[in-house]
Amino acid sequence: QVQLVESGGGSVQPGGSMRLSCTIRGSGYYSIGWIRQAPGKQREGVSCIAAANDNTYYSDSVVGRFTIIRDSRGNTIHLQMNNLKPEDTGVYYCAARPSGMGPHSKDYAYWGLGTRVTVSS
């Protein structure tokens, strides 16, 4: 079993930057995804990193602006978000899966409680 705890959310102006963190509590190796949910919309997988080879994925809406990073200890995953836009507003969830990788929410077995990101002037 694994527990995930997100941190780093808050409010920022358009064009600003924010760094989210996901702390993993448990044993084993997992692929980690960041999935967001904007108000009134379905969840969208924005980024993930594979456990086996550190391959990464970015959705078209964030590629070039967001970077997913696994720290040297391996128990924390960061999402560096640059040039933020109002449409990036939402609750960001960290999620884990024991194998594979991808943006689909249904493939992730473990979820954090989320951290809210608000981008507004």
N, C-alpha and C. Protein backbone atom coordinates (compact mmCIF):
# COMPACT_ATOMS: atom_id res chain seq x y z
N GLN A 1 0.84 -1.18 0.00
CA GLN A 1 0.00 0.00 0.00
C GLN A 1 0.89 1.25 0.00
N VAL A 2 0.43 2.28 -0.66
CA VAL A 2 1.17 3.53 -0.75
C VAL A 2 0.25 4.70 -0.45
N GLN A 3 0.79 5.69 0.23
CA GLN A 3 0.07 6.92 0.50
C GLN A 3 0.77 8.08 -0.21
N LEU A 4 -0.02 8.98 -0.76
CA LEU A 4 0.49 10.12 -1.50
C LEU A 4 -0.03 11.41 -0.87
N VAL A 5 0.87 12.38 -0.71
CA VAL A 5 0.50 13.66 -0.12
C VAL A 5 1.03 14.77 -1.00
N GLU A 6 0.12 15.60 -1.52
CA GLU A 6 0.50 16.73 -2.37
C GLU A 6 0.70 17.99 -1.53
N SER A 7 1.54 18.88 -2.04
CA SER A 7 1.74 20.17 -1.41
C SER A 7 2.20 21.17 -2.46
N GLY A 8 2.15 22.45 -2.13
CA GLY A 8 2.67 23.49 -2.99
C GLY A 8 1.64 24.30 -3.74
N GLY A 9 0.37 23.97 -3.61
CA GLY A 9 -0.66 24.71 -4.31
C GLY A 9 -0.89 26.08 -3.71
N GLY A 10 -1.66 26.89 -4.42
CA GLY A 10 -1.96 28.23 -3.98
C GLY A 10 -2.43 29.09 -5.13
N SER A 11 -2.29 30.39 -4.99
CA SER A 11 -2.72 31.35 -6.01
C SER A 11 -1.52 32.02 -6.65
N VAL A 12 -1.61 32.25 -7.96
CA VAL A 12 -0.54 32.87 -8.71
C VAL A 12 -1.14 33.67 -9.86
N GLN A 13 -0.45 34.71 -10.29
CA GLN A 13 -0.91 35.51 -11.42
C GLN A 13 -0.55 34.85 -12.75
N PRO A 14 -1.30 35.12 -13.81
CA PRO A 14 -0.94 34.58 -15.12
C PRO A 14 0.49 34.92 -15.49
N GLY A 15 1.19 33.94 -16.07
CA GLY A 15 2.59 34.09 -16.41
C GLY A 15 3.55 33.69 -15.31
N GLY A 16 3.03 33.45 -14.13
CA GLY A 16 3.86 33.07 -13.00
C GLY A 16 4.19 31.59 -12.99
N SER A 17 4.91 31.18 -11.96
CA SER A 17 5.36 29.81 -11.81
C SER A 17 4.95 29.25 -10.46
N MET A 18 4.86 27.94 -10.39
CA MET A 18 4.53 27.25 -9.16
C MET A 18 5.14 25.85 -9.21
N ARG A 19 5.52 25.35 -8.06
CA ARG A 19 6.14 24.02 -7.97
C ARG A 19 5.33 23.17 -7.00
N LEU A 20 4.73 22.11 -7.52
CA LEU A 20 3.98 21.17 -6.71
C LEU A 20 4.88 20.00 -6.32
N SER A 21 4.61 19.39 -5.18
CA SER A 21 5.36 18.23 -4.73
C SER A 21 4.41 17.13 -4.30
N CYS A 22 4.82 15.90 -4.52
CA CYS A 22 4.08 14.72 -4.10
C CYS A 22 5.03 13.84 -3.31
N THR A 23 4.74 13.64 -2.04
CA THR A 23 5.54 12.78 -1.18
C THR A 23 4.93 11.39 -1.13
N ILE A 24 5.74 10.40 -1.42
CA ILE A 24 5.30 9.01 -1.47
C ILE A 24 5.68 8.33 -0.17
N ARG A 25 4.70 7.74 0.50
CA ARG A 25 4.92 7.02 1.74
C ARG A 25 4.57 5.55 1.53
N GLY A 26 5.58 4.71 1.50
CA GLY A 26 5.39 3.29 1.28
C GLY A 26 6.58 2.70 0.57
N SER A 27 6.53 1.40 0.32
CA SER A 27 7.62 0.70 -0.33
C SER A 27 7.24 0.33 -1.76
N GLY A 28 8.25 0.04 -2.56
CA GLY A 28 8.03 -0.35 -3.93
C GLY A 28 8.25 0.80 -4.90
N TYR A 29 8.21 0.47 -6.17
CA TYR A 29 8.39 1.45 -7.23
C TYR A 29 7.07 1.66 -7.96
N TYR A 30 6.76 2.91 -8.25
CA TYR A 30 5.50 3.25 -8.89
C TYR A 30 5.72 4.28 -9.99
N SER A 31 4.93 4.17 -11.01
CA SER A 31 4.80 5.27 -11.96
C SER A 31 3.87 6.30 -11.34
N ILE A 32 4.22 7.57 -11.49
CA ILE A 32 3.48 8.65 -10.84
C ILE A 32 2.90 9.57 -11.89
N GLY A 33 1.65 9.91 -11.71
CA GLY A 33 0.99 10.86 -12.59
C GLY A 33 0.46 12.06 -11.84
N TRP A 34 0.37 13.17 -12.55
CA TRP A 34 -0.32 14.36 -12.07
C TRP A 34 -1.59 14.52 -12.90
N ILE A 35 -2.72 14.52 -12.24
CA ILE A 35 -4.02 14.64 -12.88
C ILE A 35 -4.74 15.82 -12.27
N ARG A 36 -5.31 16.68 -13.10
CA ARG A 36 -6.00 17.86 -12.60
C ARG A 36 -7.47 17.83 -12.98
N GLN A 37 -8.26 18.54 -12.19
CA GLN A 37 -9.67 18.67 -12.46
C GLN A 37 -10.06 20.14 -12.32
N ALA A 38 -10.42 20.74 -13.44
CA ALA A 38 -10.89 22.11 -13.44
C ALA A 38 -12.34 22.15 -13.00
N PRO A 39 -12.80 23.28 -12.48
CA PRO A 39 -14.20 23.36 -12.03
C PRO A 39 -15.18 23.00 -13.15
N GLY A 40 -16.08 22.07 -12.86
CA GLY A 40 -17.10 21.67 -13.81
C GLY A 40 -16.62 20.81 -14.96
N LYS A 41 -15.37 20.34 -14.93
CA LYS A 41 -14.83 19.54 -16.02
C LYS A 41 -14.31 18.20 -15.51
N GLN A 42 -14.12 17.26 -16.44
CA GLN A 42 -13.58 15.95 -16.10
C GLN A 42 -12.08 16.03 -15.83
N ARG A 43 -11.57 15.01 -15.16
CA ARG A 43 -10.16 14.97 -14.85
C ARG A 43 -9.31 14.80 -16.11
N GLU A 44 -8.15 15.45 -16.11
CA GLU A 44 -7.23 15.43 -17.23
C GLU A 44 -5.84 15.05 -16.72
N GLY A 45 -5.26 13.99 -17.28
CA GLY A 45 -3.89 13.64 -16.96
C GLY A 45 -2.93 14.58 -17.66
N VAL A 46 -2.16 15.35 -16.92
CA VAL A 46 -1.29 16.35 -17.52
C VAL A 46 0.16 15.90 -17.63
N SER A 47 0.60 14.99 -16.76
CA SER A 47 1.99 14.55 -16.80
C SER A 47 2.14 13.25 -16.02
N CYS A 48 3.13 12.45 -16.41
CA CYS A 48 3.46 11.26 -15.64
C CYS A 48 4.92 10.88 -15.90
N ILE A 49 5.46 10.09 -14.97
CA ILE A 49 6.83 9.60 -15.09
C ILE A 49 6.84 8.12 -14.75
N ALA A 50 7.51 7.32 -15.57
CA ALA A 50 7.51 5.88 -15.42
C ALA A 50 8.48 5.43 -14.35
N ALA A 51 8.12 4.37 -13.62
CA ALA A 51 8.99 3.82 -12.59
C ALA A 51 10.20 3.12 -13.18
N ALA A 52 10.04 2.43 -14.31
CA ALA A 52 11.07 1.57 -14.84
C ALA A 52 12.20 2.33 -15.51
N ASN A 53 11.88 3.35 -16.28
CA ASN A 53 12.89 4.00 -17.10
C ASN A 53 12.85 5.52 -17.09
N ASP A 54 11.99 6.12 -16.28
CA ASP A 54 11.84 7.57 -16.16
C ASP A 54 11.37 8.23 -17.44
N ASN A 55 10.76 7.47 -18.34
CA ASN A 55 10.08 8.10 -19.47
C ASN A 55 8.98 9.02 -18.95
N THR A 56 8.76 10.11 -19.66
CA THR A 56 7.77 11.09 -19.22
C THR A 56 6.72 11.33 -20.28
N TYR A 57 5.57 11.81 -19.83
CA TYR A 57 4.46 12.17 -20.70
C TYR A 57 3.95 13.55 -20.30
N TYR A 58 3.56 14.33 -21.30
CA TYR A 58 2.91 15.62 -21.07
C TYR A 58 1.73 15.76 -22.01
N SER A 59 0.64 16.27 -21.49
CA SER A 59 -0.51 16.54 -22.35
C SER A 59 -0.20 17.72 -23.26
N ASP A 60 -0.94 17.81 -24.35
CA ASP A 60 -0.73 18.91 -25.29
C ASP A 60 -0.95 20.27 -24.64
N SER A 61 -1.80 20.31 -23.64
CA SER A 61 -2.13 21.59 -23.02
C SER A 61 -1.01 22.14 -22.13
N VAL A 62 -0.06 21.29 -21.72
CA VAL A 62 0.99 21.74 -20.81
C VAL A 62 2.40 21.53 -21.34
N VAL A 63 2.57 20.79 -22.43
CA VAL A 63 3.90 20.49 -22.92
C VAL A 63 4.66 21.78 -23.21
N GLY A 64 5.94 21.81 -22.80
CA GLY A 64 6.76 22.99 -22.96
C GLY A 64 6.67 23.96 -21.81
N ARG A 65 5.66 23.82 -20.97
CA ARG A 65 5.49 24.70 -19.81
C ARG A 65 5.69 23.97 -18.48
N PHE A 66 5.31 22.70 -18.43
CA PHE A 66 5.41 21.91 -17.20
C PHE A 66 6.54 20.90 -17.32
N THR A 67 7.17 20.57 -16.19
CA THR A 67 8.21 19.55 -16.13
C THR A 67 7.99 18.68 -14.91
N ILE A 68 7.98 17.36 -15.09
CA ILE A 68 7.86 16.43 -13.98
C ILE A 68 9.25 15.92 -13.61
N ILE A 69 9.54 15.88 -12.31
CA ILE A 69 10.88 15.57 -11.83
C ILE A 69 10.80 14.61 -10.65
N ARG A 70 11.58 13.56 -10.68
CA ARG A 70 11.74 12.66 -9.53
C ARG A 70 13.02 13.04 -8.80
N ASP A 71 12.96 13.30 -7.50
CA ASP A 71 14.15 13.74 -6.80
C ASP A 71 15.11 12.58 -6.58
N SER A 72 16.31 12.90 -6.08
CA SER A 72 17.38 11.91 -5.97
C SER A 72 17.05 10.80 -4.99
N ARG A 73 16.22 11.08 -3.99
CA ARG A 73 15.84 10.06 -3.01
C ARG A 73 14.77 9.12 -3.56
N GLY A 74 14.05 9.55 -4.57
CA GLY A 74 13.04 8.73 -5.20
C GLY A 74 11.69 8.73 -4.53
N ASN A 75 11.55 9.45 -3.42
CA ASN A 75 10.29 9.44 -2.69
C ASN A 75 9.48 10.73 -2.84
N THR A 76 9.94 11.62 -3.70
CA THR A 76 9.22 12.86 -3.95
C THR A 76 9.22 13.15 -5.45
N ILE A 77 8.05 13.47 -5.96
CA ILE A 77 7.88 13.85 -7.36
C ILE A 77 7.43 15.31 -7.40
N HIS A 78 8.10 16.11 -8.23
CA HIS A 78 7.76 17.51 -8.37
C HIS A 78 7.12 17.78 -9.73
N LEU A 79 6.24 18.75 -9.76
CA LEU A 79 5.71 19.26 -11.01
C LEU A 79 6.01 20.75 -11.05
N GLN A 80 6.99 21.11 -11.88
CA GLN A 80 7.35 22.51 -12.07
C GLN A 80 6.45 23.09 -13.15
N MET A 81 5.70 24.12 -12.81
CA MET A 81 4.74 24.72 -13.73
C MET A 81 5.16 26.15 -14.01
N ASN A 82 5.45 26.45 -15.26
CA ASN A 82 5.87 27.78 -15.68
C ASN A 82 4.86 28.37 -16.65
N ASN A 83 4.91 29.69 -16.78
CA ASN A 83 4.01 30.41 -17.69
C ASN A 83 2.56 29.98 -17.50
N LEU A 84 2.12 30.02 -16.27
CA LEU A 84 0.77 29.55 -15.95
C LEU A 84 -0.31 30.42 -16.58
N LYS A 85 -1.39 29.76 -16.96
CA LYS A 85 -2.53 30.40 -17.60
C LYS A 85 -3.78 30.20 -16.75
N PRO A 86 -4.78 31.07 -16.90
CA PRO A 86 -6.02 30.88 -16.13
C PRO A 86 -6.64 29.50 -16.32
N GLU A 87 -6.52 28.91 -17.50
CA GLU A 87 -7.09 27.59 -17.75
C GLU A 87 -6.35 26.47 -17.03
N ASP A 88 -5.22 26.77 -16.39
CA ASP A 88 -4.53 25.79 -15.56
C ASP A 88 -5.15 25.66 -14.18
N THR A 89 -6.10 26.51 -13.86
CA THR A 89 -6.76 26.48 -12.56
C THR A 89 -7.45 25.14 -12.34
N GLY A 90 -7.31 24.60 -11.15
CA GLY A 90 -7.98 23.36 -10.80
C GLY A 90 -7.34 22.71 -9.60
N VAL A 91 -7.88 21.55 -9.24
CA VAL A 91 -7.29 20.74 -8.19
C VAL A 91 -6.35 19.74 -8.83
N TYR A 92 -5.12 19.68 -8.37
CA TYR A 92 -4.10 18.80 -8.92
C TYR A 92 -3.90 17.62 -7.98
N TYR A 93 -4.05 16.41 -8.53
CA TYR A 93 -3.90 15.18 -7.78
C TYR A 93 -2.64 14.46 -8.19
N CYS A 94 -1.93 13.91 -7.23
CA CYS A 94 -0.85 12.98 -7.46
C CYS A 94 -1.42 11.57 -7.37
N ALA A 95 -1.06 10.70 -8.32
CA ALA A 95 -1.58 9.34 -8.35
C ALA A 95 -0.48 8.36 -8.72
N ALA A 96 -0.62 7.11 -8.27
CA ALA A 96 0.39 6.09 -8.49
C ALA A 96 -0.20 4.83 -9.10
N ARG A 97 0.58 4.17 -9.93
CA ARG A 97 0.23 2.89 -10.51
C ARG A 97 1.45 1.98 -10.44
N PRO A 98 1.26 0.66 -10.21
CA PRO A 98 2.41 -0.23 -10.01
C PRO A 98 3.15 -0.59 -11.28
N SER A 99 2.55 -0.42 -12.43
CA SER A 99 3.20 -0.75 -13.68
C SER A 99 2.64 0.12 -14.79
N GLY A 100 3.40 0.20 -15.88
CA GLY A 100 2.98 0.98 -17.02
C GLY A 100 3.01 2.47 -16.74
N MET A 101 2.44 3.22 -17.65
CA MET A 101 2.32 4.67 -17.51
C MET A 101 1.32 5.17 -18.52
N GLY A 102 0.86 6.39 -18.30
CA GLY A 102 -0.08 6.99 -19.23
C GLY A 102 -0.95 8.01 -18.55
N PRO A 103 -1.76 8.72 -19.34
CA PRO A 103 -2.57 9.82 -18.81
C PRO A 103 -3.95 9.44 -18.31
N HIS A 104 -4.36 8.19 -18.42
CA HIS A 104 -5.74 7.80 -18.13
C HIS A 104 -5.95 7.58 -16.64
N SER A 105 -6.89 8.32 -16.07
CA SER A 105 -7.14 8.27 -14.63
C SER A 105 -7.50 6.88 -14.14
N LYS A 106 -8.21 6.10 -14.96
CA LYS A 106 -8.68 4.80 -14.54
C LYS A 106 -7.55 3.81 -14.27
N ASP A 107 -6.35 4.08 -14.76
CA ASP A 107 -5.22 3.17 -14.61
C ASP A 107 -4.45 3.38 -13.32
N TYR A 108 -4.79 4.39 -12.55
CA TYR A 108 -4.06 4.71 -11.31
C TYR A 108 -4.82 4.17 -10.11
N ALA A 109 -4.10 3.44 -9.25
CA ALA A 109 -4.71 2.74 -8.13
C ALA A 109 -4.74 3.55 -6.84
N TYR A 110 -3.79 4.45 -6.67
CA TYR A 110 -3.66 5.21 -5.44
C TYR A 110 -3.67 6.70 -5.74
N TRP A 111 -4.37 7.45 -4.90
CA TRP A 111 -4.55 8.88 -5.11
C TRP A 111 -4.32 9.67 -3.84
N GLY A 112 -3.73 10.86 -4.01
CA GLY A 112 -3.69 11.81 -2.92
C GLY A 112 -4.99 12.58 -2.84
N LEU A 113 -5.08 13.50 -1.90
CA LEU A 113 -6.29 14.28 -1.70
C LEU A 113 -6.37 15.52 -2.58
N GLY A 114 -5.27 15.88 -3.22
CA GLY A 114 -5.24 17.01 -4.13
C GLY A 114 -4.77 18.29 -3.49
N THR A 115 -4.27 19.19 -4.33
CA THR A 115 -3.89 20.52 -3.90
C THR A 115 -4.41 21.51 -4.94
N ARG A 116 -4.97 22.61 -4.48
CA ARG A 116 -5.65 23.54 -5.37
C ARG A 116 -4.69 24.57 -5.94
N VAL A 117 -4.82 24.82 -7.24
CA VAL A 117 -4.04 25.83 -7.94
C VAL A 117 -5.01 26.82 -8.58
N THR A 118 -4.82 28.10 -8.28
CA THR A 118 -5.66 29.14 -8.84
C THR A 118 -4.78 30.14 -9.58
N VAL A 119 -5.07 30.35 -10.86
CA VAL A 119 -4.31 31.28 -11.68
C VAL A 119 -5.26 32.40 -12.09
N SER A 120 -5.04 33.59 -11.55
CA SER A 120 -5.92 34.72 -11.83
C SER A 120 -5.18 36.02 -11.58
N SER A 121 -5.64 37.08 -12.23
CA SER A 121 -5.02 38.39 -12.08
C SER A 121 -5.59 39.12 -10.88
